[in-house]
Amino acid sequence: MAKPAASRMQSPARRSTPDSMALPAVSGSAGCNSYSASYSRSGNTLTVSGLTSTMMLCSMPAGIMQQEGEFKDALGGAESCRIISSKLEINCTLDRLLVFHPK
């Protein structure tokens, strides 16, 4: 049976971005709150652990808290990564794909 294509997390409200990926940690904005986590990488295998974030409540733009929760769930389930045309792609559990573009 063919594996379904990974679903890309689109951000209609605000962009979720890593501001820093200084080894061995990642940090950035999840849309409303800041986050940080440890990560390890071996070849294309990526493991993210210890994900924490600030706990502000944002009501605008609409849907931002749901987007942020989905982003953090996906990042916490990172399985592999690759760089294609200056973009960082992180494959996550449940066939989710996070794509980060350079600033």
N, C-alpha and C. Protein backbone atom coordinates (compact mmCIF):
# COMPACT_ATOMS: atom_id res chain seq x y z
N MET A 1 0.84 -1.17 0.00
CA MET A 1 0.00 0.00 0.00
C MET A 1 0.89 1.24 0.00
N ALA A 2 0.58 2.19 -0.82
CA ALA A 2 1.38 3.42 -0.92
C ALA A 2 1.16 4.29 0.30
N LYS A 3 2.22 4.87 0.79
CA LYS A 3 2.14 5.77 1.93
C LYS A 3 1.56 7.11 1.47
N PRO A 4 0.58 7.66 2.22
CA PRO A 4 0.01 8.94 1.80
C PRO A 4 1.05 10.05 1.87
N ALA A 5 0.87 11.03 1.03
CA ALA A 5 1.79 12.17 1.02
C ALA A 5 1.72 12.89 2.35
N ALA A 6 2.84 13.41 2.79
CA ALA A 6 2.89 14.15 4.05
C ALA A 6 2.05 15.41 3.94
N SER A 7 1.35 15.73 5.01
CA SER A 7 0.57 16.96 5.01
C SER A 7 1.46 18.10 5.47
N ARG A 8 1.45 19.17 4.74
CA ARG A 8 2.24 20.34 5.10
C ARG A 8 1.42 21.20 6.05
N MET A 9 2.08 21.70 7.07
CA MET A 9 1.41 22.61 8.00
C MET A 9 1.52 24.01 7.43
N GLN A 10 0.41 24.55 7.03
CA GLN A 10 0.38 25.90 6.51
C GLN A 10 0.06 26.86 7.64
N SER A 11 0.58 28.02 7.59
CA SER A 11 0.39 29.00 8.64
C SER A 11 -0.35 30.22 8.09
N PRO A 12 -1.70 30.19 8.13
CA PRO A 12 -2.44 31.33 7.63
C PRO A 12 -2.33 32.54 8.53
N ALA A 13 -2.02 32.32 9.80
CA ALA A 13 -2.05 33.41 10.75
C ALA A 13 -0.67 34.04 10.95
N ARG A 14 0.24 33.28 11.53
CA ARG A 14 1.60 33.76 11.78
C ARG A 14 2.56 32.65 11.46
N ARG A 15 3.76 33.01 11.16
CA ARG A 15 4.79 32.05 10.82
C ARG A 15 5.45 31.47 12.06
N SER A 16 5.58 30.17 12.11
CA SER A 16 6.33 29.50 13.17
C SER A 16 7.74 29.32 12.66
N THR A 17 8.71 29.85 13.38
CA THR A 17 10.07 29.85 12.86
C THR A 17 11.09 29.45 13.91
N PRO A 18 12.14 28.75 13.49
CA PRO A 18 13.27 28.59 14.40
C PRO A 18 14.16 29.82 14.26
N ASP A 19 14.43 30.51 15.37
CA ASP A 19 15.33 31.66 15.33
C ASP A 19 16.77 31.22 15.46
N SER A 20 16.97 30.10 16.13
CA SER A 20 18.32 29.61 16.34
C SER A 20 18.33 28.09 16.34
N MET A 21 19.34 27.53 15.71
CA MET A 21 19.55 26.09 15.76
C MET A 21 20.98 25.82 16.16
N ALA A 22 21.46 26.59 17.15
CA ALA A 22 22.81 26.39 17.65
C ALA A 22 22.84 25.04 18.38
N LEU A 23 23.78 24.21 17.99
CA LEU A 23 23.85 22.85 18.57
C LEU A 23 23.95 22.90 20.08
N PRO A 24 23.30 22.04 20.78
CA PRO A 24 22.28 21.09 20.32
C PRO A 24 20.87 21.56 20.67
N ALA A 25 20.52 22.81 20.41
CA ALA A 25 19.20 23.33 20.79
C ALA A 25 18.59 24.11 19.64
N VAL A 26 17.27 24.18 19.67
CA VAL A 26 16.52 24.98 18.72
C VAL A 26 15.58 25.88 19.51
N SER A 27 15.37 27.10 19.03
CA SER A 27 14.44 28.01 19.70
C SER A 27 13.85 28.94 18.66
N GLY A 28 12.69 29.48 18.98
CA GLY A 28 12.06 30.40 18.05
C GLY A 28 10.66 30.77 18.48
N SER A 29 9.86 31.20 17.52
CA SER A 29 8.47 31.57 17.77
C SER A 29 7.56 30.50 17.22
N ALA A 30 6.59 30.09 18.03
CA ALA A 30 5.59 29.11 17.59
C ALA A 30 4.36 29.82 17.05
N GLY A 31 4.40 31.12 16.93
CA GLY A 31 3.28 31.91 16.42
C GLY A 31 2.88 32.96 17.42
N CYS A 32 2.64 32.55 18.66
CA CYS A 32 2.30 33.45 19.76
C CYS A 32 3.40 33.38 20.83
N ASN A 33 3.76 32.18 21.20
CA ASN A 33 4.73 31.95 22.27
C ASN A 33 6.10 31.57 21.72
N SER A 34 7.11 31.80 22.54
CA SER A 34 8.46 31.36 22.22
C SER A 34 8.61 29.91 22.66
N TYR A 35 9.46 29.16 21.96
CA TYR A 35 9.70 27.77 22.33
C TYR A 35 11.19 27.49 22.30
N SER A 36 11.58 26.42 22.96
CA SER A 36 12.95 25.93 22.87
C SER A 36 12.92 24.43 23.10
N ALA A 37 13.90 23.76 22.56
CA ALA A 37 14.01 22.30 22.70
C ALA A 37 15.44 21.88 22.41
N SER A 38 15.78 20.70 22.88
CA SER A 38 17.05 20.07 22.52
C SER A 38 16.81 19.20 21.30
N TYR A 39 17.85 18.99 20.52
CA TYR A 39 17.71 18.06 19.41
C TYR A 39 19.02 17.32 19.20
N SER A 40 18.89 16.17 18.57
CA SER A 40 20.08 15.42 18.15
C SER A 40 19.83 14.96 16.73
N ARG A 41 20.92 14.87 16.00
CA ARG A 41 20.83 14.48 14.59
C ARG A 41 21.92 13.48 14.28
N SER A 42 21.54 12.44 13.58
CA SER A 42 22.49 11.45 13.10
C SER A 42 22.13 11.16 11.66
N GLY A 43 22.94 11.65 10.72
CA GLY A 43 22.56 11.56 9.32
C GLY A 43 21.30 12.38 9.09
N ASN A 44 20.28 11.78 8.53
CA ASN A 44 19.00 12.47 8.33
C ASN A 44 18.02 12.25 9.48
N THR A 45 18.39 11.40 10.46
CA THR A 45 17.51 11.14 11.59
C THR A 45 17.57 12.31 12.55
N LEU A 46 16.40 12.81 12.95
CA LEU A 46 16.30 13.97 13.85
C LEU A 46 15.41 13.61 15.02
N THR A 47 15.88 13.90 16.22
CA THR A 47 15.09 13.69 17.43
C THR A 47 15.03 15.01 18.19
N VAL A 48 13.83 15.44 18.52
CA VAL A 48 13.62 16.67 19.29
C VAL A 48 13.08 16.26 20.66
N SER A 49 13.65 16.82 21.73
CA SER A 49 13.21 16.47 23.08
C SER A 49 13.20 17.71 23.96
N GLY A 50 12.50 17.60 25.08
CA GLY A 50 12.47 18.68 26.06
C GLY A 50 11.84 19.96 25.54
N LEU A 51 10.82 19.84 24.71
CA LEU A 51 10.18 21.03 24.12
C LEU A 51 9.44 21.81 25.20
N THR A 52 9.78 23.06 25.37
CA THR A 52 9.11 23.95 26.33
C THR A 52 8.71 25.22 25.62
N SER A 53 7.74 25.93 26.19
CA SER A 53 7.34 27.21 25.60
C SER A 53 6.76 28.11 26.66
N THR A 54 6.73 29.41 26.34
CA THR A 54 6.05 30.35 27.21
C THR A 54 4.56 30.04 27.13
N MET A 55 3.77 30.61 28.02
CA MET A 55 2.36 30.22 28.10
C MET A 55 1.40 31.41 28.00
N MET A 56 1.68 32.31 27.08
CA MET A 56 0.77 33.43 26.85
C MET A 56 -0.45 32.93 26.09
N LEU A 57 -1.57 33.58 26.29
CA LEU A 57 -2.78 33.28 25.53
C LEU A 57 -2.97 34.38 24.49
N CYS A 58 -3.04 34.00 23.25
CA CYS A 58 -3.25 34.95 22.16
C CYS A 58 -4.59 34.63 21.49
N SER A 59 -5.42 35.62 21.33
CA SER A 59 -6.71 35.39 20.68
C SER A 59 -6.72 35.85 19.23
N MET A 60 -5.74 36.66 18.87
CA MET A 60 -5.67 37.17 17.51
C MET A 60 -4.29 36.88 16.93
N PRO A 61 -4.21 36.55 15.72
CA PRO A 61 -5.31 36.29 14.80
C PRO A 61 -6.03 34.99 15.16
N ALA A 62 -7.25 34.88 14.68
CA ALA A 62 -8.07 33.72 14.99
C ALA A 62 -7.34 32.43 14.62
N GLY A 63 -7.40 31.45 15.49
CA GLY A 63 -6.80 30.15 15.23
C GLY A 63 -5.33 30.03 15.60
N ILE A 64 -4.73 31.09 16.12
CA ILE A 64 -3.29 31.07 16.39
C ILE A 64 -2.91 30.03 17.44
N MET A 65 -3.75 29.84 18.47
CA MET A 65 -3.40 28.87 19.51
C MET A 65 -3.49 27.43 18.99
N GLN A 66 -4.45 27.16 18.13
CA GLN A 66 -4.54 25.82 17.53
C GLN A 66 -3.33 25.57 16.63
N GLN A 67 -3.00 26.57 15.81
CA GLN A 67 -1.83 26.46 14.94
C GLN A 67 -0.58 26.19 15.76
N GLU A 68 -0.43 26.92 16.86
CA GLU A 68 0.75 26.77 17.68
C GLU A 68 0.82 25.37 18.30
N GLY A 69 -0.30 24.86 18.78
CA GLY A 69 -0.33 23.51 19.34
C GLY A 69 0.04 22.47 18.31
N GLU A 70 -0.48 22.61 17.09
CA GLU A 70 -0.17 21.66 16.02
C GLU A 70 1.31 21.73 15.64
N PHE A 71 1.85 22.94 15.61
CA PHE A 71 3.27 23.10 15.30
C PHE A 71 4.14 22.41 16.35
N LYS A 72 3.86 22.66 17.63
CA LYS A 72 4.67 22.05 18.69
C LYS A 72 4.52 20.53 18.71
N ASP A 73 3.31 20.03 18.45
CA ASP A 73 3.12 18.58 18.37
C ASP A 73 3.95 17.99 17.24
N ALA A 74 3.93 18.65 16.09
CA ALA A 74 4.69 18.16 14.94
C ALA A 74 6.19 18.20 15.22
N LEU A 75 6.68 19.31 15.75
CA LEU A 75 8.11 19.44 16.03
C LEU A 75 8.56 18.40 17.05
N GLY A 76 7.74 18.16 18.07
CA GLY A 76 8.06 17.15 19.07
C GLY A 76 8.10 15.74 18.50
N GLY A 77 7.44 15.54 17.35
CA GLY A 77 7.42 14.23 16.69
C GLY A 77 8.35 14.15 15.51
N ALA A 78 9.37 15.01 15.49
CA ALA A 78 10.33 15.01 14.38
C ALA A 78 11.00 13.65 14.25
N GLU A 79 11.13 13.20 12.99
CA GLU A 79 11.76 11.91 12.72
C GLU A 79 12.98 12.03 11.82
N SER A 80 12.92 12.92 10.84
CA SER A 80 14.04 13.08 9.93
C SER A 80 14.02 14.50 9.37
N CYS A 81 15.16 14.87 8.76
CA CYS A 81 15.24 16.21 8.18
C CYS A 81 16.14 16.18 6.95
N ARG A 82 15.97 17.20 6.13
CA ARG A 82 16.83 17.37 4.96
C ARG A 82 16.75 18.83 4.55
N ILE A 83 17.76 19.26 3.82
CA ILE A 83 17.78 20.62 3.29
C ILE A 83 17.68 20.51 1.78
N ILE A 84 16.68 21.20 1.23
CA ILE A 84 16.45 21.20 -0.22
C ILE A 84 16.29 22.66 -0.65
N SER A 85 17.12 23.10 -1.56
CA SER A 85 17.05 24.46 -2.10
C SER A 85 16.94 25.50 -0.98
N SER A 86 17.80 25.42 -0.01
CA SER A 86 17.87 26.36 1.12
C SER A 86 16.71 26.25 2.09
N LYS A 87 15.83 25.27 1.92
CA LYS A 87 14.72 25.06 2.84
C LYS A 87 15.03 23.88 3.75
N LEU A 88 14.69 24.01 5.02
CA LEU A 88 14.81 22.90 5.97
C LEU A 88 13.46 22.20 6.02
N GLU A 89 13.45 20.91 5.68
CA GLU A 89 12.23 20.11 5.75
C GLU A 89 12.39 19.09 6.88
N ILE A 90 11.40 19.08 7.79
CA ILE A 90 11.40 18.13 8.90
C ILE A 90 10.19 17.23 8.75
N ASN A 91 10.46 15.95 8.56
CA ASN A 91 9.38 14.96 8.50
C ASN A 91 9.05 14.55 9.93
N CYS A 92 7.75 14.54 10.23
CA CYS A 92 7.29 14.29 11.59
C CYS A 92 6.31 13.11 11.60
N THR A 93 5.99 12.66 12.80
CA THR A 93 5.02 11.58 12.94
C THR A 93 3.70 11.99 12.32
N LEU A 94 2.86 11.01 12.07
CA LEU A 94 1.53 11.22 11.46
C LEU A 94 1.64 11.87 10.08
N ASP A 95 2.74 11.61 9.37
CA ASP A 95 2.94 12.12 8.01
C ASP A 95 2.82 13.64 7.91
N ARG A 96 3.32 14.33 8.93
CA ARG A 96 3.33 15.80 8.88
C ARG A 96 4.71 16.26 8.42
N LEU A 97 4.73 17.39 7.74
CA LEU A 97 5.96 17.96 7.21
C LEU A 97 6.04 19.43 7.59
N LEU A 98 7.13 19.79 8.27
CA LEU A 98 7.40 21.19 8.57
C LEU A 98 8.43 21.69 7.56
N VAL A 99 8.18 22.86 6.99
CA VAL A 99 9.10 23.44 6.01
C VAL A 99 9.48 24.83 6.47
N PHE A 100 10.77 25.06 6.63
CA PHE A 100 11.28 26.35 7.05
C PHE A 100 12.08 26.98 5.91
N HIS A 101 11.78 28.23 5.61
CA HIS A 101 12.46 28.99 4.57
C HIS A 101 13.46 29.93 5.23
N PRO A 102 14.57 30.21 4.58
CA PRO A 102 15.53 31.16 5.17
C PRO A 102 14.91 32.55 5.26
N LYS A 103 15.36 33.29 6.25
CA LYS A 103 14.85 34.65 6.45
C LYS A 103 15.38 35.56 5.38
